[in-house]
Amino acid sequence: RDEDGFVGDKASRGAFVEHLDALR
């Protein structure tokens, strides 16, 4: 964990979607 929650969540399939959505 860090201040944002579970560290591993930054490299899940959902994390890729978040990167794409932020760009869009």
mmCIF file of all heavy atoms, coordinates in Angstrom:
data_MODEL
# 
_entry.id   MODEL 
# 
loop_
_atom_site.group_PDB 
_atom_site.id 
_atom_site.type_symbol 
_atom_site.label_atom_id 
_atom_site.label_alt_id 
_atom_site.label_comp_id 
_atom_site.label_asym_id 
_atom_site.label_entity_id 
_atom_site.label_seq_id 
_atom_site.pdbx_PDB_ins_code 
_atom_site.Cartn_x 
_atom_site.Cartn_y 
_atom_site.Cartn_z 
_atom_site.occupancy 
_atom_site.B_iso_or_equiv 
_atom_site.pdbx_formal_charge 
_atom_site.auth_seq_id 
_atom_site.auth_comp_id 
_atom_site.auth_asym_id 
_atom_site.auth_atom_id 
_atom_site.pdbx_PDB_model_num 
ATOM 1   N N   . ARG A 1 1  ? 0.834   -1.205 0.000   1.00 0.00 ? 1  ARG A N   1 
ATOM 2   C CA  . ARG A 1 1  ? 0.000   0.000  0.000   1.00 0.00 ? 1  ARG A CA  1 
ATOM 3   C C   . ARG A 1 1  ? 0.867   1.253  0.000   1.00 0.00 ? 1  ARG A C   1 
ATOM 4   O O   . ARG A 1 1  ? 1.969   1.264  0.545   1.00 0.00 ? 1  ARG A O   1 
ATOM 5   C CB  . ARG A 1 1  ? -0.913  0.034  1.230   1.00 0.00 ? 1  ARG A CB  1 
ATOM 6   C CG  . ARG A 1 1  ? -1.975  -1.062 1.275   1.00 0.00 ? 1  ARG A CG  1 
ATOM 7   C CD  . ARG A 1 1  ? -2.767  -0.953 2.567   1.00 0.00 ? 1  ARG A CD  1 
ATOM 8   N NE  . ARG A 1 1  ? -3.782  -1.985 2.703   1.00 0.00 ? 1  ARG A NE  1 
ATOM 9   C CZ  . ARG A 1 1  ? -5.056  -1.826 2.324   1.00 0.00 ? 1  ARG A CZ  1 
ATOM 10  N NH1 . ARG A 1 1  ? -5.450  -0.675 1.795   1.00 0.00 ? 1  ARG A NH1 1 
ATOM 11  N NH2 . ARG A 1 1  ? -5.934  -2.800 2.473   1.00 0.00 ? 1  ARG A NH2 1 
ATOM 12  N N   . ASP A 1 2  ? 0.338   2.303  -0.610  1.00 0.00 ? 2  ASP A N   1 
ATOM 13  C CA  . ASP A 1 2  ? 0.891   3.632  -0.430  1.00 0.00 ? 2  ASP A CA  1 
ATOM 14  C C   . ASP A 1 2  ? -0.276  4.579  -0.196  1.00 0.00 ? 2  ASP A C   1 
ATOM 15  O O   . ASP A 1 2  ? -1.394  4.133  0.095   1.00 0.00 ? 2  ASP A O   1 
ATOM 16  C CB  . ASP A 1 2  ? 1.766   4.050  -1.628  1.00 0.00 ? 2  ASP A CB  1 
ATOM 17  C CG  . ASP A 1 2  ? 0.995   4.103  -2.942  1.00 0.00 ? 2  ASP A CG  1 
ATOM 18  O OD1 . ASP A 1 2  ? -0.270  4.037  -2.908  1.00 0.00 ? 2  ASP A OD1 1 
ATOM 19  O OD2 . ASP A 1 2  ? 1.627   4.217  -4.004  1.00 0.00 ? 2  ASP A OD2 1 
ATOM 20  N N   . GLU A 1 3  ? -0.049  5.864  -0.332  1.00 0.00 ? 3  GLU A N   1 
ATOM 21  C CA  . GLU A 1 3  ? -1.114  6.821  -0.014  1.00 0.00 ? 3  GLU A CA  1 
ATOM 22  C C   . GLU A 1 3  ? -2.301  6.719  -0.980  1.00 0.00 ? 3  GLU A C   1 
ATOM 23  O O   . GLU A 1 3  ? -3.395  7.211  -0.673  1.00 0.00 ? 3  GLU A O   1 
ATOM 24  C CB  . GLU A 1 3  ? -0.565  8.254  -0.033  1.00 0.00 ? 3  GLU A CB  1 
ATOM 25  C CG  . GLU A 1 3  ? -0.084  8.740  -1.397  1.00 0.00 ? 3  GLU A CG  1 
ATOM 26  C CD  . GLU A 1 3  ? 1.336   8.309  -1.716  1.00 0.00 ? 3  GLU A CD  1 
ATOM 27  O OE1 . GLU A 1 3  ? 1.901   7.508  -0.926  1.00 0.00 ? 3  GLU A OE1 1 
ATOM 28  O OE2 . GLU A 1 3  ? 1.869   8.767  -2.731  1.00 0.00 ? 3  GLU A OE2 1 
ATOM 29  N N   . ASP A 1 4  ? -2.101  6.083  -2.115  1.00 0.00 ? 4  ASP A N   1 
ATOM 30  C CA  . ASP A 1 4  ? -3.177  5.949  -3.103  1.00 0.00 ? 4  ASP A CA  1 
ATOM 31  C C   . ASP A 1 4  ? -3.929  4.631  -2.994  1.00 0.00 ? 4  ASP A C   1 
ATOM 32  O O   . ASP A 1 4  ? -4.882  4.405  -3.738  1.00 0.00 ? 4  ASP A O   1 
ATOM 33  C CB  . ASP A 1 4  ? -2.602  6.078  -4.522  1.00 0.00 ? 4  ASP A CB  1 
ATOM 34  C CG  . ASP A 1 4  ? -1.960  7.431  -4.770  1.00 0.00 ? 4  ASP A CG  1 
ATOM 35  O OD1 . ASP A 1 4  ? -2.513  8.438  -4.287  1.00 0.00 ? 4  ASP A OD1 1 
ATOM 36  O OD2 . ASP A 1 4  ? -0.904  7.478  -5.423  1.00 0.00 ? 4  ASP A OD2 1 
ATOM 37  N N   . GLY A 1 5  ? -3.500  3.729  -2.118  1.00 0.00 ? 5  GLY A N   1 
ATOM 38  C CA  . GLY A 1 5  ? -4.137  2.423  -2.004  1.00 0.00 ? 5  GLY A CA  1 
ATOM 39  C C   . GLY A 1 5  ? -3.176  1.305  -2.322  1.00 0.00 ? 5  GLY A C   1 
ATOM 40  O O   . GLY A 1 5  ? -1.976  1.399  -2.037  1.00 0.00 ? 5  GLY A O   1 
ATOM 41  N N   . PHE A 1 6  ? -3.674  0.243  -2.926  1.00 0.00 ? 6  PHE A N   1 
ATOM 42  C CA  . PHE A 1 6  ? -2.824  -0.895 -3.267  1.00 0.00 ? 6  PHE A CA  1 
ATOM 43  C C   . PHE A 1 6  ? -1.921  -0.530 -4.437  1.00 0.00 ? 6  PHE A C   1 
ATOM 44  O O   . PHE A 1 6  ? -2.402  -0.094 -5.495  1.00 0.00 ? 6  PHE A O   1 
ATOM 45  C CB  . PHE A 1 6  ? -3.656  -2.129 -3.616  1.00 0.00 ? 6  PHE A CB  1 
ATOM 46  C CG  . PHE A 1 6  ? -4.317  -2.776 -2.431  1.00 0.00 ? 6  PHE A CG  1 
ATOM 47  C CD1 . PHE A 1 6  ? -5.689  -2.686 -2.251  1.00 0.00 ? 6  PHE A CD1 1 
ATOM 48  C CD2 . PHE A 1 6  ? -3.558  -3.459 -1.484  1.00 0.00 ? 6  PHE A CD2 1 
ATOM 49  C CE1 . PHE A 1 6  ? -6.299  -3.275 -1.158  1.00 0.00 ? 6  PHE A CE1 1 
ATOM 50  C CE2 . PHE A 1 6  ? -4.161  -4.055 -0.383  1.00 0.00 ? 6  PHE A CE2 1 
ATOM 51  C CZ  . PHE A 1 6  ? -5.531  -3.958 -0.216  1.00 0.00 ? 6  PHE A CZ  1 
ATOM 52  N N   . VAL A 1 7  ? -0.620  -0.731 -4.259  1.00 0.00 ? 7  VAL A N   1 
ATOM 53  C CA  . VAL A 1 7  ? 0.346   -0.390 -5.303  1.00 0.00 ? 7  VAL A CA  1 
ATOM 54  C C   . VAL A 1 7  ? 0.075   -1.187 -6.572  1.00 0.00 ? 7  VAL A C   1 
ATOM 55  O O   . VAL A 1 7  ? 0.173   -0.673 -7.694  1.00 0.00 ? 7  VAL A O   1 
ATOM 56  C CB  . VAL A 1 7  ? 1.787   -0.631 -4.797  1.00 0.00 ? 7  VAL A CB  1 
ATOM 57  C CG1 . VAL A 1 7  ? 2.802   -0.483 -5.930  1.00 0.00 ? 7  VAL A CG1 1 
ATOM 58  C CG2 . VAL A 1 7  ? 2.112   0.344  -3.664  1.00 0.00 ? 7  VAL A CG2 1 
ATOM 59  N N   . GLY A 1 8  ? -0.278  -2.463 -6.427  1.00 0.00 ? 8  GLY A N   1 
ATOM 60  C CA  . GLY A 1 8  ? -0.502  -3.306 -7.589  1.00 0.00 ? 8  GLY A CA  1 
ATOM 61  C C   . GLY A 1 8  ? -1.623  -2.826 -8.489  1.00 0.00 ? 8  GLY A C   1 
ATOM 62  O O   . GLY A 1 8  ? -1.631  -3.125 -9.694  1.00 0.00 ? 8  GLY A O   1 
ATOM 63  N N   . ASP A 1 9  ? -2.577  -2.052 -7.935  1.00 0.00 ? 9  ASP A N   1 
ATOM 64  C CA  . ASP A 1 9  ? -3.680  -1.555 -8.758  1.00 0.00 ? 9  ASP A CA  1 
ATOM 65  C C   . ASP A 1 9  ? -3.192  -0.613 -9.848  1.00 0.00 ? 9  ASP A C   1 
ATOM 66  O O   . ASP A 1 9  ? -3.901  -0.378 -10.827 1.00 0.00 ? 9  ASP A O   1 
ATOM 67  C CB  . ASP A 1 9  ? -4.718  -0.847 -7.885  1.00 0.00 ? 9  ASP A CB  1 
ATOM 68  C CG  . ASP A 1 9  ? -5.522  -1.812 -7.027  1.00 0.00 ? 9  ASP A CG  1 
ATOM 69  O OD1 . ASP A 1 9  ? -5.481  -3.030 -7.312  1.00 0.00 ? 9  ASP A OD1 1 
ATOM 70  O OD2 . ASP A 1 9  ? -6.170  -1.363 -6.073  1.00 0.00 ? 9  ASP A OD2 1 
ATOM 71  N N   . LYS A 1 10 ? -1.996  -0.064 -9.692  1.00 0.00 ? 10 LYS A N   1 
ATOM 72  C CA  . LYS A 1 10 ? -1.445  0.837  -10.705 1.00 0.00 ? 10 LYS A CA  1 
ATOM 73  C C   . LYS A 1 10 ? -1.042  0.093  -11.975 1.00 0.00 ? 10 LYS A C   1 
ATOM 74  O O   . LYS A 1 10 ? -0.756  0.726  -13.001 1.00 0.00 ? 10 LYS A O   1 
ATOM 75  C CB  . LYS A 1 10 ? -0.222  1.579  -10.143 1.00 0.00 ? 10 LYS A CB  1 
ATOM 76  C CG  . LYS A 1 10 ? -0.525  2.551  -9.021  1.00 0.00 ? 10 LYS A CG  1 
ATOM 77  C CD  . LYS A 1 10 ? 0.750   3.190  -8.503  1.00 0.00 ? 10 LYS A CD  1 
ATOM 78  C CE  . LYS A 1 10 ? 0.461   4.332  -7.531  1.00 0.00 ? 10 LYS A CE  1 
ATOM 79  N NZ  . LYS A 1 10 ? -0.216  3.905  -6.327  1.00 0.00 ? 10 LYS A NZ  1 
ATOM 80  N N   . ALA A 1 11 ? -0.990  -1.239 -11.919 1.00 0.00 ? 11 ALA A N   1 
ATOM 81  C CA  . ALA A 1 11 ? -0.588  -2.031 -13.082 1.00 0.00 ? 11 ALA A CA  1 
ATOM 82  C C   . ALA A 1 11 ? -1.619  -3.107 -13.400 1.00 0.00 ? 11 ALA A C   1 
ATOM 83  O O   . ALA A 1 11 ? -1.284  -4.168 -13.905 1.00 0.00 ? 11 ALA A O   1 
ATOM 84  C CB  . ALA A 1 11 ? 0.783   -2.659 -12.851 1.00 0.00 ? 11 ALA A CB  1 
ATOM 85  N N   . SER A 1 12 ? -2.893  -2.842 -13.145 1.00 0.00 ? 12 SER A N   1 
ATOM 86  C CA  . SER A 1 12 ? -3.968  -3.761 -13.507 1.00 0.00 ? 12 SER A CA  1 
ATOM 87  C C   . SER A 1 12 ? -4.545  -3.357 -14.858 1.00 0.00 ? 12 SER A C   1 
ATOM 88  O O   . SER A 1 12 ? -4.209  -2.302 -15.413 1.00 0.00 ? 12 SER A O   1 
ATOM 89  C CB  . SER A 1 12 ? -5.074  -3.727 -12.452 1.00 0.00 ? 12 SER A CB  1 
ATOM 90  O OG  . SER A 1 12 ? -5.694  -2.440 -12.443 1.00 0.00 ? 12 SER A OG  1 
ATOM 91  N N   . ARG A 1 13 ? -5.400  -4.190 -15.396 1.00 0.00 ? 13 ARG A N   1 
ATOM 92  C CA  . ARG A 1 13 ? -6.092  -3.852 -16.646 1.00 0.00 ? 13 ARG A CA  1 
ATOM 93  C C   . ARG A 1 13 ? -6.849  -2.537 -16.482 1.00 0.00 ? 13 ARG A C   1 
ATOM 94  O O   . ARG A 1 13 ? -6.855  -1.687 -17.376 1.00 0.00 ? 13 ARG A O   1 
ATOM 95  C CB  . ARG A 1 13 ? -7.035  -4.986 -17.024 1.00 0.00 ? 13 ARG A CB  1 
ATOM 96  C CG  . ARG A 1 13 ? -8.175  -4.628 -17.968 1.00 0.00 ? 13 ARG A CG  1 
ATOM 97  C CD  . ARG A 1 13 ? -7.736  -4.345 -19.383 1.00 0.00 ? 13 ARG A CD  1 
ATOM 98  N NE  . ARG A 1 13 ? -8.871  -3.953 -20.210 1.00 0.00 ? 13 ARG A NE  1 
ATOM 99  C CZ  . ARG A 1 13 ? -8.796  -3.570 -21.460 1.00 0.00 ? 13 ARG A CZ  1 
ATOM 100 N NH1 . ARG A 1 13 ? -7.622  -3.511 -22.057 1.00 0.00 ? 13 ARG A NH1 1 
ATOM 101 N NH2 . ARG A 1 13 ? -9.877  -3.235 -22.142 1.00 0.00 ? 13 ARG A NH2 1 
ATOM 102 N N   . GLY A 1 14 ? -7.458  -2.331 -15.317 1.00 0.00 ? 14 GLY A N   1 
ATOM 103 C CA  . GLY A 1 14 ? -8.186  -1.090 -15.074 1.00 0.00 ? 14 GLY A CA  1 
ATOM 104 C C   . GLY A 1 14 ? -7.279  0.120  -15.111 1.00 0.00 ? 14 GLY A C   1 
ATOM 105 O O   . GLY A 1 14 ? -7.705  1.212  -15.498 1.00 0.00 ? 14 GLY A O   1 
ATOM 106 N N   . ALA A 1 15 ? -6.026  -0.044 -14.700 1.00 0.00 ? 15 ALA A N   1 
ATOM 107 C CA  . ALA A 1 15 ? -5.082  1.078  -14.723 1.00 0.00 ? 15 ALA A CA  1 
ATOM 108 C C   . ALA A 1 15 ? -4.809  1.526  -16.151 1.00 0.00 ? 15 ALA A C   1 
ATOM 109 O O   . ALA A 1 15 ? -4.684  2.723  -16.425 1.00 0.00 ? 15 ALA A O   1 
ATOM 110 C CB  . ALA A 1 15 ? -3.783  0.681  -14.033 1.00 0.00 ? 15 ALA A CB  1 
ATOM 111 N N   . PHE A 1 16 ? -4.713  0.559  -17.076 1.00 0.00 ? 16 PHE A N   1 
ATOM 112 C CA  . PHE A 1 16 ? -4.518  0.939  -18.484 1.00 0.00 ? 16 PHE A CA  1 
ATOM 113 C C   . PHE A 1 16 ? -5.709  1.746  -18.983 1.00 0.00 ? 16 PHE A C   1 
ATOM 114 O O   . PHE A 1 16 ? -5.541  2.763  -19.676 1.00 0.00 ? 16 PHE A O   1 
ATOM 115 C CB  . PHE A 1 16 ? -4.315  -0.291 -19.362 1.00 0.00 ? 16 PHE A CB  1 
ATOM 116 C CG  . PHE A 1 16 ? -4.198  0.057  -20.826 1.00 0.00 ? 16 PHE A CG  1 
ATOM 117 C CD1 . PHE A 1 16 ? -2.981  0.455  -21.352 1.00 0.00 ? 16 PHE A CD1 1 
ATOM 118 C CD2 . PHE A 1 16 ? -5.311  0.006  -21.656 1.00 0.00 ? 16 PHE A CD2 1 
ATOM 119 C CE1 . PHE A 1 16 ? -2.876  0.810  -22.692 1.00 0.00 ? 16 PHE A CE1 1 
ATOM 120 C CE2 . PHE A 1 16 ? -5.207  0.351  -22.992 1.00 0.00 ? 16 PHE A CE2 1 
ATOM 121 C CZ  . PHE A 1 16 ? -3.986  0.761  -23.513 1.00 0.00 ? 16 PHE A CZ  1 
ATOM 122 N N   . VAL A 1 17 ? -6.907  1.312  -18.630 1.00 0.00 ? 17 VAL A N   1 
ATOM 123 C CA  . VAL A 1 17 ? -8.113  2.037  -19.037 1.00 0.00 ? 17 VAL A CA  1 
ATOM 124 C C   . VAL A 1 17 ? -8.076  3.462  -18.488 1.00 0.00 ? 17 VAL A C   1 
ATOM 125 O O   . VAL A 1 17 ? -8.453  4.421  -19.178 1.00 0.00 ? 17 VAL A O   1 
ATOM 126 C CB  . VAL A 1 17 ? -9.375  1.291  -18.567 1.00 0.00 ? 17 VAL A CB  1 
ATOM 127 C CG1 . VAL A 1 17 ? -10.622 2.130  -18.812 1.00 0.00 ? 17 VAL A CG1 1 
ATOM 128 C CG2 . VAL A 1 17 ? -9.494  -0.053 -19.274 1.00 0.00 ? 17 VAL A CG2 1 
ATOM 129 N N   . GLU A 1 18 ? -7.619  3.618  -17.245 1.00 0.00 ? 18 GLU A N   1 
ATOM 130 C CA  . GLU A 1 18 ? -7.532  4.947  -16.653 1.00 0.00 ? 18 GLU A CA  1 
ATOM 131 C C   . GLU A 1 18 ? -6.544  5.833  -17.403 1.00 0.00 ? 18 GLU A C   1 
ATOM 132 O O   . GLU A 1 18 ? -6.792  7.027  -17.602 1.00 0.00 ? 18 GLU A O   1 
ATOM 133 C CB  . GLU A 1 18 ? -7.140  4.838  -15.178 1.00 0.00 ? 18 GLU A CB  1 
ATOM 134 C CG  . GLU A 1 18 ? -8.239  4.254  -14.300 1.00 0.00 ? 18 GLU A CG  1 
ATOM 135 C CD  . GLU A 1 18 ? -7.785  4.070  -12.862 1.00 0.00 ? 18 GLU A CD  1 
ATOM 136 O OE1 . GLU A 1 18 ? -6.645  4.473  -12.538 1.00 0.00 ? 18 GLU A OE1 1 
ATOM 137 O OE2 . GLU A 1 18 ? -8.557  3.520  -12.061 1.00 0.00 ? 18 GLU A OE2 1 
ATOM 138 N N   . HIS A 1 19 ? -5.409  5.256  -17.817 1.00 0.00 ? 19 HIS A N   1 
ATOM 139 C CA  . HIS A 1 19 ? -4.445  6.026  -18.603 1.00 0.00 ? 19 HIS A CA  1 
ATOM 140 C C   . HIS A 1 19 ? -5.080  6.480  -19.925 1.00 0.00 ? 19 HIS A C   1 
ATOM 141 O O   . HIS A 1 19 ? -4.938  7.644  -20.326 1.00 0.00 ? 19 HIS A O   1 
ATOM 142 C CB  . HIS A 1 19 ? -3.202  5.187  -18.900 1.00 0.00 ? 19 HIS A CB  1 
ATOM 143 C CG  . HIS A 1 19 ? -2.246  5.083  -17.757 1.00 0.00 ? 19 HIS A CG  1 
ATOM 144 N ND1 . HIS A 1 19 ? -1.479  6.157  -17.333 1.00 0.00 ? 19 HIS A ND1 1 
ATOM 145 C CD2 . HIS A 1 19 ? -1.925  4.053  -16.947 1.00 0.00 ? 19 HIS A CD2 1 
ATOM 146 C CE1 . HIS A 1 19 ? -0.718  5.780  -16.313 1.00 0.00 ? 19 HIS A CE1 1 
ATOM 147 N NE2 . HIS A 1 19 ? -0.974  4.506  -16.058 1.00 0.00 ? 19 HIS A NE2 1 
ATOM 148 N N   . LEU A 1 20 ? -5.764  5.570  -20.580 1.00 0.00 ? 20 LEU A N   1 
ATOM 149 C CA  . LEU A 1 20 ? -6.395  5.905  -21.848 1.00 0.00 ? 20 LEU A CA  1 
ATOM 150 C C   . LEU A 1 20 ? -7.479  6.961  -21.663 1.00 0.00 ? 20 LEU A C   1 
ATOM 151 O O   . LEU A 1 20 ? -7.578  7.923  -22.446 1.00 0.00 ? 20 LEU A O   1 
ATOM 152 C CB  . LEU A 1 20 ? -6.991  4.638  -22.476 1.00 0.00 ? 20 LEU A CB  1 
ATOM 153 C CG  . LEU A 1 20 ? -7.712  4.803  -23.822 1.00 0.00 ? 20 LEU A CG  1 
ATOM 154 C CD1 . LEU A 1 20 ? -6.765  5.354  -24.873 1.00 0.00 ? 20 LEU A CD1 1 
ATOM 155 C CD2 . LEU A 1 20 ? -8.304  3.470  -24.273 1.00 0.00 ? 20 LEU A CD2 1 
ATOM 156 N N   . ASP A 1 21 ? -8.269  6.802  -20.616 1.00 0.00 ? 21 ASP A N   1 
ATOM 157 C CA  . ASP A 1 21 ? -9.367  7.742  -20.378 1.00 0.00 ? 21 ASP A CA  1 
ATOM 158 C C   . ASP A 1 21 ? -8.848  9.133  -20.035 1.00 0.00 ? 21 ASP A C   1 
ATOM 159 O O   . ASP A 1 21 ? -9.431  10.143 -20.449 1.00 0.00 ? 21 ASP A O   1 
ATOM 160 C CB  . ASP A 1 21 ? -10.268 7.214  -19.262 1.00 0.00 ? 21 ASP A CB  1 
ATOM 161 C CG  . ASP A 1 21 ? -11.734 7.527  -19.503 1.00 0.00 ? 21 ASP A CG  1 
ATOM 162 O OD1 . ASP A 1 21 ? -12.152 7.580  -20.681 1.00 0.00 ? 21 ASP A OD1 1 
ATOM 163 O OD2 . ASP A 1 21 ? -12.454 7.731  -18.516 1.00 0.00 ? 21 ASP A OD2 1 
ATOM 164 N N   . ALA A 1 22 ? -7.759  9.193  -19.269 1.00 0.00 ? 22 ALA A N   1 
ATOM 165 C CA  . ALA A 1 22 ? -7.182  10.501 -18.920 1.00 0.00 ? 22 ALA A CA  1 
ATOM 166 C C   . ALA A 1 22 ? -6.709  11.237 -20.168 1.00 0.00 ? 22 ALA A C   1 
ATOM 167 O O   . ALA A 1 22 ? -6.908  12.456 -20.309 1.00 0.00 ? 22 ALA A O   1 
ATOM 168 C CB  . ALA A 1 22 ? -6.028  10.320 -17.942 1.00 0.00 ? 22 ALA A CB  1 
ATOM 169 N N   . LEU A 1 23 ? -6.102  10.512 -21.090 1.00 0.00 ? 23 LEU A N   1 
ATOM 170 C CA  . LEU A 1 23 ? -5.667  11.127 -22.349 1.00 0.00 ? 23 LEU A CA  1 
ATOM 171 C C   . LEU A 1 23 ? -6.871  11.600 -23.162 1.00 0.00 ? 23 LEU A C   1 
ATOM 172 O O   . LEU A 1 23 ? -6.864  12.704 -23.734 1.00 0.00 ? 23 LEU A O   1 
ATOM 173 C CB  . LEU A 1 23 ? -4.854  10.115 -23.158 1.00 0.00 ? 23 LEU A CB  1 
ATOM 174 C CG  . LEU A 1 23 ? -3.472  9.769  -22.606 1.00 0.00 ? 23 LEU A CG  1 
ATOM 175 C CD1 . LEU A 1 23 ? -2.933  8.512  -23.293 1.00 0.00 ? 23 LEU A CD1 1 
ATOM 176 C CD2 . LEU A 1 23 ? -2.506  10.929 -22.796 1.00 0.00 ? 23 LEU A CD2 1 
ATOM 177 N N   . ARG A 1 24 ? -7.907  10.796 -23.191 1.00 0.00 ? 24 ARG A N   1 
ATOM 178 C CA  . ARG A 1 24 ? -9.104  11.170 -23.955 1.00 0.00 ? 24 ARG A CA  1 
ATOM 179 C C   . ARG A 1 24 ? -9.799  12.382 -23.344 1.00 0.00 ? 24 ARG A C   1 
ATOM 180 O O   . ARG A 1 24 ? -10.379 13.208 -24.066 1.00 0.00 ? 24 ARG A O   1 
ATOM 181 C CB  . ARG A 1 24 ? -10.057 9.983  -24.037 1.00 0.00 ? 24 ARG A CB  1 
ATOM 182 C CG  . ARG A 1 24 ? -9.502  8.807  -24.846 1.00 0.00 ? 24 ARG A CG  1 
ATOM 183 C CD  . ARG A 1 24 ? -10.517 7.684  -24.927 1.00 0.00 ? 24 ARG A CD  1 
ATOM 184 N NE  . ARG A 1 24 ? -11.682 8.093  -25.702 1.00 0.00 ? 24 ARG A NE  1 
ATOM 185 C CZ  . ARG A 1 24 ? -12.836 7.409  -25.715 1.00 0.00 ? 24 ARG A CZ  1 
ATOM 186 N NH1 . ARG A 1 24 ? -12.971 6.306  -24.974 1.00 0.00 ? 24 ARG A NH1 1 
ATOM 187 N NH2 . ARG A 1 24 ? -13.854 7.825  -26.445 1.00 0.00 ? 24 ARG A NH2 1 
# 
